[in-house]
Amino acid sequence: MNLTLSVDERVAEGARKTAQAMGKSLNQMVRDYLEQLAGQAQLETELEELRALSGQGDSGGTPFSREATYTERLDRQHGA
């Protein structure tokens, strides 16, 4: 896909020099950055999906205890 951007000339020139110093073209630098953004967005989406599947989300700092979980499960089974 081709993408057209409007950028201040000074910003573009500074970015071009930075990219050149890194051995890359400005075009490659922009592609790399967009790929990072897309990857981060994908990671955040997957994390949200996992939280939704667990139904728990963040524990709010409360430590989990095997004994407490077992007791809660027994209480639910016995209608307590």
N, C-alpha and C. Protein backbone atom coordinates (compact mmCIF):
# COMPACT_ATOMS: atom_id res chain seq x y z
N MET A 1 0.84 -1.16 0.00
CA MET A 1 0.00 0.00 0.00
C MET A 1 0.89 1.23 0.00
N ASN A 2 0.53 2.19 -0.79
CA ASN A 2 1.23 3.47 -0.78
C ASN A 2 0.52 4.41 0.17
N LEU A 3 1.28 5.23 0.85
CA LEU A 3 0.74 6.15 1.84
C LEU A 3 1.39 7.51 1.64
N THR A 4 0.57 8.54 1.63
CA THR A 4 1.10 9.90 1.48
C THR A 4 0.94 10.62 2.80
N LEU A 5 2.02 11.25 3.24
CA LEU A 5 2.02 11.98 4.51
C LEU A 5 2.42 13.43 4.27
N SER A 6 1.89 14.30 5.08
CA SER A 6 2.32 15.71 5.07
C SER A 6 3.16 15.95 6.32
N VAL A 7 4.42 16.35 6.09
CA VAL A 7 5.34 16.56 7.20
C VAL A 7 6.12 17.84 6.92
N ASP A 8 6.36 18.59 7.96
CA ASP A 8 7.18 19.80 7.85
C ASP A 8 8.54 19.42 7.25
N GLU A 9 9.06 20.25 6.36
CA GLU A 9 10.33 19.97 5.69
C GLU A 9 11.48 19.77 6.66
N ARG A 10 11.52 20.59 7.71
CA ARG A 10 12.60 20.46 8.69
C ARG A 10 12.53 19.12 9.41
N VAL A 11 11.31 18.71 9.72
CA VAL A 11 11.12 17.42 10.39
C VAL A 11 11.56 16.28 9.46
N ALA A 12 11.12 16.34 8.21
CA ALA A 12 11.48 15.30 7.24
C ALA A 12 12.99 15.24 7.03
N GLU A 13 13.62 16.38 6.92
CA GLU A 13 15.07 16.41 6.70
C GLU A 13 15.81 15.86 7.91
N GLY A 14 15.39 16.24 9.09
CA GLY A 14 16.01 15.70 10.31
C GLY A 14 15.82 14.20 10.40
N ALA A 15 14.62 13.73 10.07
CA ALA A 15 14.35 12.29 10.09
C ALA A 15 15.18 11.56 9.04
N ARG A 16 15.33 12.17 7.88
CA ARG A 16 16.13 11.58 6.81
C ARG A 16 17.58 11.41 7.27
N LYS A 17 18.13 12.43 7.92
CA LYS A 17 19.51 12.37 8.41
C LYS A 17 19.67 11.29 9.48
N THR A 18 18.69 11.20 10.36
CA THR A 18 18.73 10.16 11.40
C THR A 18 18.67 8.78 10.78
N ALA A 19 17.76 8.60 9.82
CA ALA A 19 17.64 7.31 9.14
C ALA A 19 18.93 6.95 8.43
N GLN A 20 19.53 7.92 7.75
CA GLN A 20 20.78 7.69 7.03
C GLN A 20 21.88 7.27 7.99
N ALA A 21 21.93 7.92 9.15
CA ALA A 21 22.94 7.57 10.15
C ALA A 21 22.75 6.14 10.67
N MET A 22 21.52 5.66 10.59
CA MET A 22 21.20 4.30 11.03
C MET A 22 21.32 3.30 9.88
N GLY A 23 21.70 3.79 8.70
CA GLY A 23 21.85 2.91 7.55
C GLY A 23 20.54 2.50 6.91
N LYS A 24 19.52 3.34 7.08
CA LYS A 24 18.21 3.04 6.52
C LYS A 24 17.69 4.24 5.76
N SER A 25 16.69 3.99 4.95
CA SER A 25 16.01 5.09 4.28
C SER A 25 14.90 5.60 5.20
N LEU A 26 14.45 6.81 4.94
CA LEU A 26 13.32 7.34 5.71
C LEU A 26 12.09 6.46 5.49
N ASN A 27 11.92 6.00 4.27
CA ASN A 27 10.81 5.11 3.96
C ASN A 27 10.85 3.85 4.83
N GLN A 28 12.02 3.24 4.96
CA GLN A 28 12.17 2.04 5.78
C GLN A 28 11.90 2.35 7.25
N MET A 29 12.37 3.49 7.71
CA MET A 29 12.14 3.87 9.11
C MET A 29 10.65 4.02 9.40
N VAL A 30 9.92 4.64 8.49
CA VAL A 30 8.47 4.81 8.67
C VAL A 30 7.79 3.45 8.65
N ARG A 31 8.18 2.57 7.71
CA ARG A 31 7.60 1.22 7.66
C ARG A 31 7.86 0.47 8.96
N ASP A 32 9.10 0.53 9.45
CA ASP A 32 9.44 -0.14 10.71
C ASP A 32 8.59 0.37 11.86
N TYR A 33 8.44 1.70 11.92
CA TYR A 33 7.66 2.30 13.00
C TYR A 33 6.20 1.87 12.92
N LEU A 34 5.63 1.87 11.73
CA LEU A 34 4.23 1.46 11.57
C LEU A 34 4.04 -0.01 11.93
N GLU A 35 5.03 -0.83 11.59
CA GLU A 35 4.96 -2.25 11.97
C GLU A 35 4.99 -2.41 13.49
N GLN A 36 5.81 -1.59 14.15
CA GLN A 36 5.85 -1.63 15.62
C GLN A 36 4.51 -1.23 16.20
N LEU A 37 3.93 -0.16 15.66
CA LEU A 37 2.62 0.28 16.15
C LEU A 37 1.57 -0.80 15.96
N ALA A 38 1.56 -1.42 14.81
CA ALA A 38 0.59 -2.48 14.52
C ALA A 38 0.81 -3.66 15.46
N GLY A 39 2.06 -4.01 15.72
CA GLY A 39 2.37 -5.10 16.63
C GLY A 39 1.93 -4.80 18.04
N GLN A 40 2.13 -3.58 18.49
CA GLN A 40 1.72 -3.18 19.83
C GLN A 40 0.21 -3.22 19.95
N ALA A 41 -0.48 -2.75 18.92
CA ALA A 41 -1.94 -2.77 18.94
C ALA A 41 -2.44 -4.20 19.00
N GLN A 42 -1.80 -5.09 18.24
CA GLN A 42 -2.18 -6.50 18.24
C GLN A 42 -1.96 -7.12 19.61
N LEU A 43 -0.84 -6.80 20.24
CA LEU A 43 -0.54 -7.31 21.57
C LEU A 43 -1.59 -6.84 22.58
N GLU A 44 -1.95 -5.57 22.53
CA GLU A 44 -2.95 -5.04 23.45
C GLU A 44 -4.31 -5.68 23.23
N THR A 45 -4.67 -5.92 21.96
CA THR A 45 -5.94 -6.58 21.65
C THR A 45 -5.96 -7.99 22.21
N GLU A 46 -4.88 -8.73 22.02
CA GLU A 46 -4.81 -10.10 22.54
C GLU A 46 -4.88 -10.12 24.06
N LEU A 47 -4.24 -9.17 24.71
CA LEU A 47 -4.28 -9.09 26.16
C LEU A 47 -5.70 -8.82 26.65
N GLU A 48 -6.40 -7.90 25.99
CA GLU A 48 -7.79 -7.62 26.36
C GLU A 48 -8.67 -8.85 26.17
N GLU A 49 -8.44 -9.59 25.09
CA GLU A 49 -9.21 -10.81 24.84
C GLU A 49 -8.96 -11.84 25.93
N LEU A 50 -7.71 -11.99 26.35
CA LEU A 50 -7.40 -12.93 27.43
C LEU A 50 -8.07 -12.53 28.73
N ARG A 51 -8.06 -11.24 29.02
CA ARG A 51 -8.73 -10.77 30.24
C ARG A 51 -10.22 -11.04 30.19
N ALA A 52 -10.82 -10.82 29.03
CA ALA A 52 -12.26 -11.06 28.88
C ALA A 52 -12.57 -12.54 29.03
N LEU A 53 -11.72 -13.39 28.49
CA LEU A 53 -11.94 -14.83 28.60
C LEU A 53 -11.82 -15.31 30.03
N SER A 54 -10.91 -14.72 30.78
CA SER A 54 -10.71 -15.16 32.16
C SER A 54 -11.84 -14.70 33.06
N GLY A 55 -12.52 -13.61 32.66
CA GLY A 55 -13.60 -13.09 33.49
C GLY A 55 -13.10 -12.44 34.76
N GLN A 56 -11.82 -12.41 34.94
CA GLN A 56 -11.25 -11.90 36.17
C GLN A 56 -10.59 -10.55 35.98
N GLY A 57 -9.81 -10.43 34.94
CA GLY A 57 -9.06 -9.20 34.75
C GLY A 57 -7.96 -9.10 35.78
N ASP A 58 -7.72 -7.92 36.24
CA ASP A 58 -6.67 -7.65 37.20
C ASP A 58 -7.14 -8.03 38.60
N SER A 59 -6.30 -8.67 39.36
CA SER A 59 -6.65 -9.07 40.73
C SER A 59 -6.65 -7.88 41.68
N GLY A 60 -6.25 -6.72 41.20
CA GLY A 60 -6.20 -5.54 42.05
C GLY A 60 -5.12 -5.65 43.11
N GLY A 61 -4.14 -6.50 42.87
CA GLY A 61 -3.05 -6.65 43.82
C GLY A 61 -3.32 -7.70 44.87
N THR A 62 -4.51 -8.31 44.84
CA THR A 62 -4.84 -9.35 45.81
C THR A 62 -4.12 -10.63 45.42
N PRO A 63 -3.33 -11.19 46.33
CA PRO A 63 -2.64 -12.43 45.99
C PRO A 63 -3.64 -13.59 45.91
N PHE A 64 -3.37 -14.53 45.01
CA PHE A 64 -4.22 -15.70 44.89
C PHE A 64 -3.74 -16.77 45.84
N SER A 65 -4.69 -17.49 46.42
CA SER A 65 -4.37 -18.54 47.36
C SER A 65 -5.07 -19.81 46.91
N ARG A 66 -4.33 -20.89 46.80
CA ARG A 66 -4.93 -22.16 46.41
C ARG A 66 -5.99 -22.59 47.42
N GLU A 67 -5.72 -22.40 48.69
CA GLU A 67 -6.66 -22.81 49.72
C GLU A 67 -7.96 -22.01 49.62
N ALA A 68 -7.84 -20.69 49.43
CA ALA A 68 -9.03 -19.85 49.34
C ALA A 68 -9.85 -20.22 48.11
N THR A 69 -9.19 -20.50 47.01
CA THR A 69 -9.90 -20.88 45.79
C THR A 69 -10.62 -22.20 46.01
N TYR A 70 -9.97 -23.16 46.64
CA TYR A 70 -10.58 -24.46 46.92
C TYR A 70 -11.78 -24.31 47.84
N THR A 71 -11.63 -23.50 48.89
CA THR A 71 -12.74 -23.27 49.83
C THR A 71 -13.92 -22.61 49.13
N GLU A 72 -13.66 -21.61 48.28
CA GLU A 72 -14.74 -20.95 47.54
C GLU A 72 -15.45 -21.93 46.62
N ARG A 73 -14.69 -22.80 45.98
CA ARG A 73 -15.30 -23.78 45.10
C ARG A 73 -16.20 -24.74 45.88
N LEU A 74 -15.73 -25.22 47.03
CA LEU A 74 -16.53 -26.10 47.86
C LEU A 74 -17.81 -25.40 48.36
N ASP A 75 -17.66 -24.13 48.75
CA ASP A 75 -18.82 -23.38 49.22
C ASP A 75 -19.87 -23.26 48.12
N ARG A 76 -19.44 -23.00 46.88
CA ARG A 76 -20.39 -22.88 45.76
C ARG A 76 -21.07 -24.22 45.49
N GLN A 77 -20.31 -25.31 45.60
CA GLN A 77 -20.88 -26.62 45.33
C GLN A 77 -21.91 -27.01 46.38
N HIS A 78 -21.73 -26.56 47.61
CA HIS A 78 -22.63 -26.91 48.70
C HIS A 78 -23.65 -25.82 49.00
N GLY A 79 -23.71 -24.83 48.11
CA GLY A 79 -24.73 -23.78 48.25
C GLY A 79 -24.50 -22.83 49.40
N ALA A 80 -23.30 -22.72 49.87
CA ALA A 80 -23.02 -21.82 50.99
C ALA A 80 -22.82 -20.40 50.52
